[in-house]
């Protein structure tokens, strides 16, 4: 049973000191490695790990073909300013090969887990000689996986999986007692700028979690372009999270007086504190019209845009 540390009771200075010491004790004089996606959790654990290990923590950005537009360049540039070198690893072929033909959400998550931990990180760990992987698993990831709501790709021990036996390295999870609001506080005290610690959450499976049905490079590019519009138009709402989702069904539309049998984007925008429960943001009709107009204009093949108004539960924040 993991003892939760709520944001209210969290003493960030003590927490950081304790976790730095724990990481040092576990890693010793060896090398560790971590994947930085640019999200709140991975950014916070990166700063924590570098405070503990310095140059003995190798930080990589996995370019899996599923990230938002320009993400690698943004993340590498931001962390360079913070004094952290980030190596970009091109793994697009491995991830799309693993996802080929898969439409079931849980099978999709498992394919991403195996591609990430077994194939890509298995190779990187051997190349750099690391014995430990540092990652930003948080308590909500554990809760949703154990409850059977959805398998989070970064949860193992609670499912009876020993990463050392399965993948050949030990996983360290210093943020596992916290939820998102607590992680933000720790990230801020570690020196992350607001653009990192206050960023909207982004799922571990990346845009694959926002493609219903098979995840192909073409379908990811469609939802990536819609994401650009959604994040630009909703960034000033103050919402907890917002996203575009590509549906699998094709729908009948019209363009230039002719039938246009196209695709549908669903927009979601959420109010929440820690992602356990959430309610849809009551966006104005003017904003909704603007979202629909710009997505249809900027994203080829889209003829329909909807807005989800179901709360969590019974919905979940991510669609897949």
Protein backbone atom coordinates (compact mmCIF):
# COMPACT_ATOMS: atom_id res chain seq x y z
CA UNK A 1 0.00 0.00 0.00
CA UNK A 2 1.47 3.33 -1.09
CA UNK A 3 1.11 6.13 1.46
CA UNK A 4 -0.20 9.20 -0.31
CA UNK A 5 1.34 12.60 0.36
CA UNK A 6 -1.30 15.19 -0.47
CA UNK A 7 -0.36 18.56 -1.94
CA UNK A 8 -1.68 20.20 1.22
CA UNK A 9 0.60 18.26 3.57
CA UNK A 10 3.59 18.18 1.20
CA UNK A 11 6.77 19.87 2.41
CA UNK A 12 8.60 20.17 -0.89
CA UNK A 13 12.01 20.94 0.61
CA UNK A 14 11.95 17.84 2.82
CA UNK A 15 10.51 15.70 0.02
CA UNK A 16 13.23 16.75 -2.43
CA UNK A 17 16.00 16.13 0.14
CA UNK A 18 14.62 12.69 0.98
CA UNK A 19 14.20 11.60 -2.62
CA UNK A 20 17.62 12.88 -3.67
CA UNK A 21 19.16 10.81 -0.88
CA UNK A 22 17.09 7.75 -1.82
CA UNK A 23 18.16 7.96 -5.48
CA UNK A 24 21.81 8.28 -4.44
CA UNK A 25 21.52 5.27 -2.15
CA UNK A 26 19.87 3.07 -4.79
CA UNK A 27 22.10 4.01 -7.74
CA UNK A 28 25.35 4.25 -5.78
CA UNK A 29 28.27 5.00 -8.10
CA UNK A 30 26.57 3.48 -11.16
CA UNK A 31 24.82 5.12 -14.12
CA UNK A 32 21.06 5.67 -14.39
CA UNK A 33 18.92 6.67 -17.36
CA UNK A 34 15.60 8.44 -17.74
CA UNK A 35 13.17 9.35 -20.49
CA UNK A 36 12.08 12.97 -20.67
CA UNK A 37 8.85 13.59 -22.58
CA UNK A 38 8.47 17.23 -21.53
CA UNK A 39 5.40 16.52 -19.40
CA UNK A 40 5.09 17.66 -15.78
CA UNK A 41 5.99 14.29 -14.24
CA UNK A 42 8.97 13.44 -16.44
CA UNK A 43 10.32 17.00 -16.24
CA UNK A 44 10.12 16.96 -12.44
CA UNK A 45 11.77 13.56 -12.11
CA UNK A 46 14.51 14.65 -14.53
CA UNK A 47 15.41 17.64 -12.36
CA UNK A 48 15.24 15.49 -9.22
CA UNK A 49 17.48 12.85 -10.78
CA UNK A 50 20.05 15.36 -11.99
CA UNK A 51 20.18 16.96 -8.56
CA UNK A 52 20.96 13.52 -7.12
CA UNK A 53 23.26 12.09 -9.79
CA UNK A 54 24.52 14.92 -11.99
CA UNK A 55 26.22 13.56 -15.11
CA UNK A 56 25.62 9.97 -13.97
CA UNK A 57 22.00 10.37 -15.13
CA UNK A 58 21.66 10.05 -18.89
CA UNK A 59 18.49 11.80 -20.08
CA UNK A 60 16.92 10.89 -23.40
CA UNK A 61 13.91 12.09 -25.38
CA UNK A 62 12.31 9.16 -27.21
CA UNK A 63 11.08 10.39 -30.60
CA UNK A 64 8.42 7.73 -31.06
CA UNK A 65 6.45 9.46 -33.82
CA UNK A 66 3.56 9.99 -31.38
CA UNK A 67 4.53 13.33 -29.86
CA UNK A 68 3.10 16.81 -30.40
CA UNK A 69 4.40 19.07 -33.14
CA UNK A 70 7.97 20.29 -32.52
CA UNK A 71 8.08 18.63 -29.09
CA UNK A 72 11.65 17.31 -29.27
CA UNK A 73 13.11 20.70 -30.17
CA UNK A 74 11.10 22.50 -27.46
CA UNK A 75 12.06 20.03 -24.72
CA UNK A 76 15.75 19.86 -25.64
CA UNK A 77 15.94 23.67 -25.82
CA UNK A 78 14.20 24.19 -22.47
CA UNK A 79 16.39 21.73 -20.58
CA UNK A 80 19.56 23.04 -22.19
CA UNK A 81 18.75 26.36 -20.48
CA UNK A 82 18.42 24.43 -17.20
CA UNK A 83 21.83 22.82 -17.67
CA UNK A 84 20.53 19.36 -18.58
CA UNK A 85 21.76 17.73 -21.79
CA UNK A 86 19.10 15.65 -23.55
CA UNK A 87 19.82 13.09 -26.29
CA UNK A 88 17.06 12.56 -28.88
CA UNK A 89 16.57 8.90 -29.82
CA UNK A 90 14.72 8.17 -33.07
CA UNK A 91 12.45 5.18 -32.36
CA UNK A 92 9.57 5.88 -34.75
CA UNK A 93 10.00 2.62 -36.68
CA UNK A 94 9.92 0.48 -33.53
CA UNK A 95 6.75 2.10 -32.18
CA UNK A 96 4.72 2.07 -35.40
CA UNK A 97 5.78 -1.52 -36.08
CA UNK A 98 4.58 -2.48 -32.59
CA UNK A 99 1.24 -0.70 -33.12
CA UNK A 100 0.52 -2.01 -36.61
CA UNK A 101 -2.91 -3.59 -36.94
CA UNK A 102 -3.88 -3.03 -33.28
CA UNK A 103 -7.20 -1.35 -32.46
CA UNK A 104 -8.02 -2.59 -28.94
CA UNK A 105 -7.08 0.11 -26.35
CA UNK A 106 -5.45 -2.27 -23.86
CA UNK A 107 -3.53 -4.13 -26.56
CA UNK A 108 -2.36 -0.76 -27.86
CA UNK A 109 -1.11 0.25 -24.41
CA UNK A 110 0.66 -3.09 -23.97
CA UNK A 111 2.34 -2.74 -27.38
CA UNK A 112 3.64 0.70 -26.39
CA UNK A 113 4.85 -0.65 -23.03
CA UNK A 114 6.82 -3.44 -24.70
CA UNK A 115 8.24 -1.16 -27.41
CA UNK A 116 9.31 1.40 -24.81
CA UNK A 117 10.67 -0.75 -21.98
CA UNK A 118 11.81 -3.93 -23.72
CA UNK A 119 12.91 -2.81 -27.17
CA UNK A 120 14.02 0.83 -27.00
CA UNK A 121 15.11 1.11 -23.37
CA UNK A 122 16.47 -2.43 -23.32
CA UNK A 123 18.85 -1.34 -26.07
CA UNK A 124 19.71 2.04 -24.51
CA UNK A 125 20.44 0.52 -21.10
CA UNK A 126 22.88 -1.95 -22.62
CA UNK A 127 24.57 0.77 -24.66
CA UNK A 128 25.20 3.12 -21.72
CA UNK A 129 25.67 0.50 -19.01
CA UNK A 130 22.89 1.85 -16.78
CA UNK A 131 21.33 -0.46 -14.19
CA UNK A 132 18.46 1.85 -13.21
CA UNK A 133 15.66 3.67 -15.02
CA UNK A 134 14.31 6.76 -13.29
CA UNK A 135 10.69 7.56 -14.18
CA UNK A 136 7.83 9.83 -13.13
CA UNK A 137 5.08 7.38 -12.18
CA UNK A 138 2.52 9.09 -9.92
CA UNK A 139 -0.20 7.74 -7.64
CA UNK A 140 -3.04 8.30 -10.12
CA UNK A 141 -1.24 6.04 -12.63
CA UNK A 142 -1.21 3.29 -10.01
CA UNK A 143 -4.85 3.81 -9.00
CA UNK A 144 -6.23 3.58 -12.54
CA UNK A 145 -4.14 0.53 -13.40
CA UNK A 146 -4.88 -1.45 -10.24
CA UNK A 147 -8.60 -0.60 -10.48
CA UNK A 148 -8.62 -1.96 -14.04
CA UNK A 149 -9.80 1.34 -15.52
CA UNK A 150 -6.89 1.45 -17.96
CA UNK A 151 -3.38 0.04 -17.96
CA UNK A 152 -0.86 2.85 -17.57
CA UNK A 153 2.26 1.97 -19.52
CA UNK A 154 4.59 2.81 -16.61
CA UNK A 155 3.06 0.54 -13.93
CA UNK A 156 4.67 -2.85 -13.21
CA UNK A 157 5.24 -3.84 -9.58
CA UNK A 158 1.55 -3.45 -8.67
CA UNK A 159 0.69 -5.92 -11.46
CA UNK A 160 3.22 -8.48 -10.22
CA UNK A 161 5.79 -7.64 -12.93
CA UNK A 162 9.46 -7.42 -11.93
CA UNK A 163 11.10 -4.99 -14.42
CA UNK A 164 14.55 -6.36 -13.60
CA UNK A 165 13.51 -9.85 -14.72
CA UNK A 166 11.34 -8.62 -17.61
CA UNK A 167 13.64 -5.93 -19.04
CA UNK A 168 17.02 -6.22 -17.30
CA UNK A 169 17.02 -3.05 -15.19
CA UNK A 170 15.59 -1.66 -11.96
CA UNK A 171 12.98 1.14 -12.03
CA UNK A 172 13.07 4.02 -9.52
CA UNK A 173 9.83 5.98 -8.98
CA UNK A 174 10.42 8.88 -6.58
CA UNK A 175 7.08 10.63 -7.30
CA UNK A 176 4.87 7.61 -6.66
CA UNK A 177 3.29 9.04 -3.46
CA UNK A 178 2.15 12.24 -5.20
CA UNK A 179 -0.67 13.31 -7.48
CA UNK A 180 -0.41 15.93 -10.20
CA UNK A 181 -0.91 18.96 -7.93
CA UNK A 182 1.87 17.76 -5.62
CA UNK A 183 4.22 17.07 -8.54
CA UNK A 184 3.71 20.63 -9.79
CA UNK A 185 4.83 22.01 -6.41
CA UNK A 186 7.95 19.83 -6.40
CA UNK A 187 8.77 20.77 -10.00
CA UNK A 188 8.51 24.47 -9.21
CA UNK A 189 10.83 24.14 -6.21
CA UNK A 190 13.33 22.21 -8.33
CA UNK A 191 13.65 25.24 -10.60
CA UNK A 192 11.37 24.31 -13.48
CA UNK A 193 9.81 27.32 -15.23
CA UNK A 194 6.00 27.62 -15.28
CA UNK A 195 5.90 26.43 -18.89
CA UNK A 196 7.11 23.04 -17.59
CA UNK A 197 5.67 22.57 -14.07
CA UNK A 198 2.29 24.13 -14.94
CA UNK A 199 1.92 22.45 -18.32
CA UNK A 200 -1.26 20.51 -19.11
CA UNK A 201 -0.87 16.74 -18.60
CA UNK A 202 0.11 14.59 -21.57
CA UNK A 203 -0.38 10.80 -21.62
CA UNK A 204 2.48 8.29 -21.58
CA UNK A 205 1.23 6.65 -24.82
CA UNK A 206 1.25 10.20 -26.28
CA UNK A 207 -1.02 10.80 -29.28
CA UNK A 208 -1.71 7.07 -29.55
CA UNK A 209 -4.06 7.68 -26.60
CA UNK A 210 -5.96 10.14 -28.80
CA UNK A 211 -6.44 7.95 -31.86
CA UNK A 212 -9.42 5.61 -31.62
CA UNK A 213 -8.67 2.56 -33.75
CA UNK A 214 -5.36 1.74 -35.44
CA UNK A 215 -2.47 4.12 -34.78
CA UNK A 216 -0.77 4.81 -38.10
CA UNK A 217 1.63 7.65 -38.98
CA UNK A 218 -1.10 9.25 -41.12
CA UNK A 219 -3.75 9.12 -38.38
CA UNK A 220 -1.32 10.45 -35.79
CA UNK A 221 -0.47 13.36 -38.10
CA UNK A 222 -4.19 14.17 -38.35
CA UNK A 223 -4.64 14.33 -34.57
CA UNK A 224 -1.31 16.16 -34.20
CA UNK A 225 -2.51 18.95 -36.48
CA UNK A 226 -5.84 19.16 -34.63
CA UNK A 227 -3.92 19.29 -31.34
CA UNK A 228 -2.06 22.40 -32.51
CA UNK A 229 -5.38 24.19 -33.00
CA UNK A 230 -6.94 22.99 -29.73
CA UNK A 231 -3.93 23.88 -27.58
CA UNK A 232 -3.58 27.31 -29.20
CA UNK A 233 -7.24 28.25 -28.77
CA UNK A 234 -7.72 26.82 -25.26
CA UNK A 235 -4.40 27.74 -23.61
CA UNK A 236 -5.91 30.77 -21.87
CA UNK A 237 -8.95 28.97 -20.44
CA UNK A 238 -7.11 27.91 -17.27
CA UNK A 239 -8.44 24.38 -17.78
CA UNK A 240 -6.65 21.36 -16.28
CA UNK A 241 -6.33 19.60 -19.65
CA UNK A 242 -7.60 19.86 -23.21
CA UNK A 243 -7.13 17.71 -26.28
CA UNK A 244 -8.23 16.57 -29.73
CA UNK A 245 -9.27 12.96 -30.37
CA UNK A 246 -9.55 11.30 -33.78
CA UNK A 247 -12.52 8.96 -34.11
CA UNK A 248 -12.46 5.73 -36.10
CA UNK A 249 -15.82 6.01 -37.86
CA UNK A 250 -16.00 8.01 -41.06
CA UNK A 251 -18.87 10.48 -41.40
CA UNK A 252 -20.66 12.04 -44.35
CA UNK A 253 -19.86 15.68 -44.97
CA UNK A 254 -20.11 18.26 -47.77
CA UNK A 255 -17.44 20.38 -49.39
CA UNK A 256 -17.87 22.63 -52.44
CA UNK A 257 -21.35 21.23 -52.97
CA UNK A 258 -20.11 17.63 -53.15
CA UNK A 259 -20.14 14.69 -50.73
CA UNK A 260 -16.99 14.56 -48.58
CA UNK A 261 -16.82 11.25 -46.71
CA UNK A 262 -14.41 12.34 -43.99
CA UNK A 263 -13.29 11.98 -40.38
CA UNK A 264 -14.39 13.35 -37.01
CA UNK A 265 -12.41 15.12 -34.29
CA UNK A 266 -13.72 15.18 -30.74
CA UNK A 267 -12.53 18.03 -28.50
CA UNK A 268 -12.29 17.54 -24.72
CA UNK A 269 -11.53 20.22 -22.11
CA UNK A 270 -11.46 19.40 -18.40
CA UNK A 271 -11.64 21.01 -14.96
CA UNK A 272 -9.77 18.95 -12.34
CA UNK A 273 -7.19 19.14 -9.57
CA UNK A 274 -5.60 15.69 -9.53
CA UNK A 275 -7.25 13.83 -12.46
CA UNK A 276 -9.21 11.47 -10.20
CA UNK A 277 -12.45 13.26 -11.05
CA UNK A 278 -13.05 15.88 -13.73
CA UNK A 279 -15.84 17.94 -15.26
CA UNK A 280 -16.08 19.43 -18.75
CA UNK A 281 -15.18 23.10 -19.03
CA UNK A 282 -18.27 25.15 -19.98
CA UNK A 283 -16.73 26.70 -23.09
CA UNK A 284 -18.65 29.46 -24.83
CA UNK A 285 -20.36 28.64 -28.11
CA UNK A 286 -18.16 31.27 -29.74
CA UNK A 287 -15.01 29.32 -28.76
CA UNK A 288 -16.57 26.04 -29.89
CA UNK A 289 -17.43 27.55 -33.28
CA UNK A 290 -13.88 28.84 -33.63
CA UNK A 291 -12.43 25.42 -32.73
CA UNK A 292 -14.61 23.67 -35.28
CA UNK A 293 -13.93 26.21 -38.00
CA UNK A 294 -10.14 26.16 -37.61
CA UNK A 295 -9.88 22.36 -37.27
CA UNK A 296 -11.95 21.82 -40.42
CA UNK A 297 -9.90 24.47 -42.24
CA UNK A 298 -6.43 23.34 -41.06
CA UNK A 299 -6.74 19.56 -40.81
CA UNK A 300 -7.23 17.71 -44.12
CA UNK A 301 -10.04 15.16 -44.17
CA UNK A 302 -11.95 16.43 -41.12
CA UNK A 303 -15.64 17.18 -41.76
CA UNK A 304 -17.05 16.97 -38.22
CA UNK A 305 -16.01 18.41 -34.83
CA UNK A 306 -17.76 17.53 -31.54
CA UNK A 307 -17.34 18.60 -27.90
CA UNK A 308 -17.51 16.00 -25.12
CA UNK A 309 -19.66 17.01 -22.11
CA UNK A 310 -19.52 13.77 -20.07
CA UNK A 311 -17.75 14.06 -16.67
CA UNK A 312 -15.15 11.70 -15.16
CA UNK A 313 -16.53 9.26 -14.09
CA UNK A 314 -18.05 7.65 -16.13
CA UNK A 315 -15.79 9.06 -18.85
CA UNK A 316 -12.00 9.14 -18.49
CA UNK A 317 -9.86 12.15 -19.35
CA UNK A 318 -8.08 10.36 -22.22
CA UNK A 319 -10.16 8.45 -24.75
CA UNK A 320 -7.94 5.36 -25.12
